[in-house]
Amino acid sequence: MQKVSGYTIIDPYNKFNPKVFSRTLVFKPGELYNRTDHNLSLNRLITLGVYKFVKVRFEPGDSIQTLNAFYYLTPTNKKSIRFEVSALQRSDNATGTNFSINWRNRNLLKGAELLTIAVNAGIERQISSGVNNSILTAGAEADLYVPRILAPFNLNTSSAFVPQTKFSLGYQLYNSTALYLLTSITGSYGYIWKNSITNEQQLTPININYVQPTHITDSFKAAIDTNLDLRRSIEKAIYFRLDI
């Protein structure tokens, strides 16, 4: 049992950092009961994504004018994995398949963080106008969601949804045997917050994409010599973008 910021935390397996509760709960020790704050606290605990069930019970305190609130939190499964296999057939004689693995780790650092890792690979083959082209794709992406704003400024977090800071890193390979090999590395850092269930805002101050084309075939080189737009599509480049 620990006491942090006026809260008494009973966590025998030490699964959560006690600061999670002081950041999430709108109810503060010693404050007057408010139905709105009661609902906000419950909703914020649920939307953290680390609890399967959330229940609260009130009991009279030491005096007739006080209430003690007891929050019973049932953790959800910390880790999960999902496999997906898909197949495609298009009207341009292209057929292929794709395989992906998605892994999730909830409460990664005991602060209700969410880490997702997705790995995918696919192959597509197209026979058209006498051209036999195979397309191989592979990639991986890791996203880390931290349930608070990591920034030098303060942001009001008293809404029904806990704001998040998102870190993302990805790698993608695209190999067209008849055209070129393209590799791409992406990285981003930003914020996500919601005012309602249907209203979500995202701010991404850092978004970097590095693109590297190699193994360009002679036939594709001849095509890009006369097509500027086609040439720009595979130029080596670093992109910076601000998303609001």
Protein backbone atom coordinates (compact mmCIF):
# COMPACT_ATOMS: atom_id res chain seq x y z
CA MET A 1 0.00 0.00 0.00
CA GLN A 2 1.31 3.42 -1.03
CA LYS A 3 0.12 6.97 -0.44
CA VAL A 4 0.78 9.41 -3.30
CA SER A 5 -0.69 12.92 -3.61
CA GLY A 6 -3.45 12.05 -1.13
CA TYR A 7 -4.41 8.79 -2.85
CA THR A 8 -4.01 5.40 -1.21
CA ILE A 9 -2.85 2.85 -3.80
CA ILE A 10 -3.19 -0.89 -3.19
CA ASP A 11 -1.22 -2.64 -5.94
CA PRO A 12 0.27 -5.85 -4.49
CA TYR A 13 1.96 -6.84 -7.76
CA ASN A 14 3.34 -3.34 -8.42
CA LYS A 15 1.92 -3.26 -11.94
CA PHE A 16 1.33 0.49 -12.18
CA ASN A 17 3.26 3.61 -11.34
CA PRO A 18 1.17 5.46 -8.69
CA LYS A 19 1.54 8.70 -10.67
CA VAL A 20 -0.84 7.23 -13.27
CA PHE A 21 -3.78 7.71 -10.92
CA SER A 22 -2.98 11.28 -9.85
CA ARG A 23 -2.67 12.26 -13.54
CA THR A 24 -5.82 10.43 -14.61
CA LEU A 25 -8.35 11.04 -11.85
CA VAL A 26 -10.20 14.35 -11.95
CA PHE A 27 -11.37 13.78 -8.37
CA LYS A 28 -8.82 15.27 -5.99
CA PRO A 29 -8.64 14.45 -2.26
CA GLY A 30 -10.56 16.94 -0.13
CA GLU A 31 -12.71 18.32 -2.96
CA LEU A 32 -16.51 18.50 -2.94
CA TYR A 33 -18.30 15.67 -4.73
CA ASN A 34 -19.25 16.57 -8.28
CA ARG A 35 -21.18 14.29 -10.64
CA THR A 36 -19.31 15.62 -13.67
CA ASP A 37 -15.92 14.92 -12.13
CA HIS A 38 -17.15 11.48 -11.11
CA ASN A 39 -18.07 10.59 -14.71
CA LEU A 40 -14.87 12.14 -16.09
CA SER A 41 -12.71 10.10 -13.74
CA LEU A 42 -14.41 6.85 -14.71
CA ASN A 43 -14.17 7.61 -18.42
CA ARG A 44 -10.49 8.57 -18.20
CA LEU A 45 -9.65 5.33 -16.40
CA ILE A 46 -11.52 3.29 -19.02
CA THR A 47 -9.92 5.07 -22.01
CA LEU A 48 -6.42 4.43 -20.68
CA GLY A 49 -6.85 1.04 -22.32
CA VAL A 50 -5.16 -0.98 -19.58
CA TYR A 51 -8.24 -1.93 -17.51
CA LYS A 52 -10.86 -4.50 -18.41
CA PHE A 53 -13.32 -3.36 -15.72
CA VAL A 54 -13.58 -0.13 -13.73
CA LYS A 55 -15.90 0.21 -10.73
CA VAL A 56 -16.22 2.81 -7.99
CA ARG A 57 -17.86 2.57 -4.57
CA PHE A 58 -18.51 5.36 -2.04
CA GLU A 59 -18.57 4.92 1.72
CA PRO A 60 -19.06 7.43 4.56
CA GLY A 61 -15.81 8.88 5.83
CA ASP A 62 -14.65 9.72 9.32
CA SER A 63 -17.16 12.54 9.53
CA ILE A 64 -20.72 12.91 8.30
CA GLN A 65 -19.60 15.41 5.63
CA THR A 66 -16.96 13.22 3.99
CA LEU A 67 -17.03 10.32 1.56
CA ASN A 68 -14.33 7.79 0.71
CA ALA A 69 -14.17 6.70 -2.92
CA PHE A 70 -12.86 3.21 -3.68
CA TYR A 71 -11.86 2.48 -7.28
CA TYR A 72 -11.66 -1.20 -8.23
CA LEU A 73 -9.59 -1.68 -11.38
CA THR A 74 -9.23 -5.01 -13.19
CA PRO A 75 -6.22 -4.99 -15.53
CA THR A 76 -6.70 -6.30 -19.06
CA ASN A 77 -4.27 -8.66 -20.77
CA LYS A 78 -0.93 -6.90 -21.00
CA LYS A 79 0.24 -8.48 -24.27
CA SER A 80 -1.59 -9.61 -27.37
CA ILE A 81 -0.64 -10.70 -30.88
CA ARG A 82 -2.63 -10.89 -34.11
CA PHE A 83 -1.83 -12.59 -37.42
CA GLU A 84 -3.38 -11.58 -40.73
CA VAL A 85 -3.13 -13.15 -44.19
CA SER A 86 -4.76 -11.64 -47.27
CA ALA A 87 -4.81 -12.37 -50.99
CA LEU A 88 -5.53 -10.14 -53.97
CA GLN A 89 -6.36 -10.43 -57.65
CA ARG A 90 -6.78 -7.32 -59.77
CA SER A 91 -8.10 -6.68 -63.25
CA ASP A 92 -4.57 -5.86 -64.52
CA ASN A 93 -3.53 -9.53 -64.13
CA ALA A 94 -1.85 -8.90 -60.77
CA THR A 95 -2.12 -11.55 -58.08
CA GLY A 96 -0.46 -11.69 -54.72
CA THR A 97 -0.61 -12.23 -50.99
CA ASN A 98 0.31 -10.32 -47.85
CA PHE A 99 1.15 -11.45 -44.33
CA SER A 100 1.28 -9.29 -41.22
CA ILE A 101 1.92 -9.66 -37.49
CA ASN A 102 0.68 -7.09 -34.98
CA TRP A 103 1.92 -7.18 -31.40
CA ARG A 104 0.71 -4.97 -28.55
CA ASN A 105 2.16 -4.37 -25.10
CA ARG A 106 -0.08 -2.40 -22.76
CA ASN A 107 1.46 -0.75 -19.71
CA LEU A 108 4.98 -1.11 -21.11
CA LEU A 109 6.74 1.05 -18.50
CA LYS A 110 4.06 0.74 -15.77
CA GLY A 111 2.63 4.10 -16.76
CA ALA A 112 -0.23 2.83 -18.99
CA GLU A 113 1.96 3.23 -22.09
CA LEU A 114 1.00 1.31 -25.22
CA LEU A 115 3.63 -0.15 -27.57
CA THR A 116 2.49 -1.56 -30.90
CA ILE A 117 4.79 -3.31 -33.37
CA ALA A 118 3.58 -4.31 -36.83
CA VAL A 119 5.60 -6.40 -39.29
CA ASN A 120 4.38 -7.14 -42.81
CA ALA A 121 5.59 -8.86 -45.96
CA GLY A 122 3.96 -9.44 -49.30
CA ILE A 123 4.51 -10.57 -52.85
CA GLU A 124 2.66 -9.57 -56.00
CA ARG A 125 3.17 -10.77 -59.55
CA GLN A 126 1.93 -9.13 -62.70
CA ILE A 127 2.09 -10.38 -66.27
CA SER A 128 0.96 -7.70 -68.71
CA SER A 129 1.92 -6.94 -72.33
CA GLY A 130 4.68 -9.48 -72.18
CA VAL A 131 6.25 -7.92 -69.05
CA ASN A 132 6.77 -10.23 -66.10
CA ASN A 133 7.07 -8.09 -62.97
CA SER A 134 7.30 -9.27 -59.37
CA ILE A 135 6.78 -6.85 -56.52
CA LEU A 136 8.12 -7.69 -53.08
CA THR A 137 7.21 -5.58 -50.06
CA ALA A 138 8.34 -5.78 -46.45
CA GLY A 139 8.20 -3.41 -43.55
CA ALA A 140 7.98 -2.82 -39.84
CA GLU A 141 6.53 -0.03 -37.73
CA ALA A 142 6.69 0.65 -33.99
CA ASP A 143 4.41 3.14 -32.22
CA LEU A 144 4.66 4.17 -28.58
CA TYR A 145 1.72 5.99 -26.97
CA VAL A 146 2.38 7.73 -23.65
CA PRO A 147 -0.81 8.84 -21.79
CA ARG A 148 0.31 12.38 -21.05
CA ILE A 149 1.74 15.39 -22.86
CA LEU A 150 5.55 15.31 -22.92
CA ALA A 151 6.32 18.94 -23.69
CA PRO A 152 7.73 22.10 -22.08
CA PHE A 153 4.22 23.58 -21.95
CA ASN A 154 1.10 22.63 -19.99
CA LEU A 155 -2.11 21.38 -21.56
CA ASN A 156 -5.46 21.09 -19.80
CA THR A 157 -6.15 17.37 -19.35
CA SER A 158 -9.51 17.56 -17.57
CA SER A 159 -11.49 16.22 -20.54
CA ALA A 160 -13.00 12.73 -20.57
CA PHE A 161 -10.05 11.44 -22.59
CA VAL A 162 -6.43 11.33 -21.47
CA PRO A 163 -4.16 13.08 -24.04
CA GLN A 164 -1.30 11.10 -25.54
CA THR A 165 2.20 11.68 -26.83
CA LYS A 166 3.01 9.44 -29.79
CA PHE A 167 6.43 8.30 -31.00
CA SER A 168 6.59 6.42 -34.29
CA LEU A 169 9.38 4.73 -36.24
CA GLY A 170 8.99 2.72 -39.45
CA TYR A 171 10.89 1.01 -42.25
CA GLN A 172 9.48 -0.01 -45.61
CA LEU A 173 11.01 -1.84 -48.57
CA TYR A 174 9.46 -1.91 -52.05
CA ASN A 175 11.19 -4.06 -54.67
CA SER A 176 9.82 -4.08 -58.21
CA THR A 177 12.04 -6.44 -60.19
CA ALA A 178 11.20 -4.71 -63.48
CA LEU A 179 11.64 -1.17 -62.16
CA TYR A 180 13.59 -0.37 -58.97
CA LEU A 181 14.22 -1.02 -55.30
CA LEU A 182 12.94 1.64 -52.90
CA THR A 183 13.58 1.85 -49.16
CA SER A 184 11.92 4.30 -46.82
CA ILE A 185 12.56 5.19 -43.18
CA THR A 186 10.03 7.28 -41.27
CA GLY A 187 10.00 8.84 -37.82
CA SER A 188 7.53 11.13 -36.09
CA TYR A 189 6.69 12.71 -32.75
CA GLY A 190 3.38 14.27 -31.89
CA TYR A 191 0.33 14.66 -29.68
CA ILE A 192 -3.20 13.26 -29.75
CA TRP A 193 -6.11 14.56 -27.70
CA LYS A 194 -9.90 14.34 -27.85
CA ASN A 195 -12.64 16.67 -26.70
CA SER A 196 -15.40 14.16 -27.40
CA ILE A 197 -15.90 10.66 -28.76
CA THR A 198 -16.22 12.06 -32.30
CA ASN A 199 -13.67 14.88 -32.15
CA GLU A 200 -9.95 14.08 -32.19
CA GLN A 201 -7.01 16.43 -32.80
CA GLN A 202 -3.44 15.56 -33.71
CA LEU A 203 -0.37 17.76 -33.71
CA THR A 204 2.82 16.31 -35.22
CA PRO A 205 5.67 18.84 -34.91
CA ILE A 206 8.26 16.35 -36.16
CA ASN A 207 7.62 14.06 -39.14
CA ILE A 208 10.65 12.84 -41.12
CA ASN A 209 10.68 10.53 -44.14
CA TYR A 210 13.94 9.39 -45.78
CA VAL A 211 13.61 7.74 -49.23
CA GLN A 212 16.45 5.88 -50.98
CA PRO A 213 16.00 4.39 -54.52
CA THR A 214 18.50 1.81 -55.82
CA HIS A 215 18.82 -0.91 -58.49
CA ILE A 216 16.98 1.12 -61.12
CA THR A 217 16.57 -0.96 -64.28
CA ASP A 218 17.64 0.32 -67.72
CA SER A 219 14.06 0.25 -69.01
CA PHE A 220 12.86 2.42 -66.12
CA LYS A 221 15.79 4.83 -66.57
CA ALA A 222 14.71 5.32 -70.17
CA ALA A 223 11.15 6.08 -69.01
CA ILE A 224 12.16 8.66 -66.39
CA ASP A 225 14.40 10.51 -68.86
CA THR A 226 11.26 11.72 -70.62
CA ASN A 227 8.93 11.98 -67.62
CA LEU A 228 9.82 14.50 -64.93
CA ASP A 229 7.00 13.47 -62.58
CA LEU A 230 8.10 9.85 -62.78
CA ARG A 231 11.68 10.85 -62.01
CA ARG A 232 10.65 12.83 -58.94
CA SER A 233 8.72 9.86 -57.59
CA ILE A 234 11.95 7.93 -56.95
CA GLU A 235 14.42 10.72 -56.17
CA LYS A 236 16.51 10.29 -53.06
CA ALA A 237 15.07 12.73 -50.55
CA ILE A 238 14.42 13.64 -46.93
CA TYR A 239 10.98 15.08 -46.17
CA PHE A 240 10.00 17.15 -43.13
CA ARG A 241 6.33 17.77 -42.50
CA LEU A 242 4.16 19.49 -39.90
CA ASP A 243 0.70 17.99 -39.44
CA ILE A 244 -2.03 19.82 -37.52
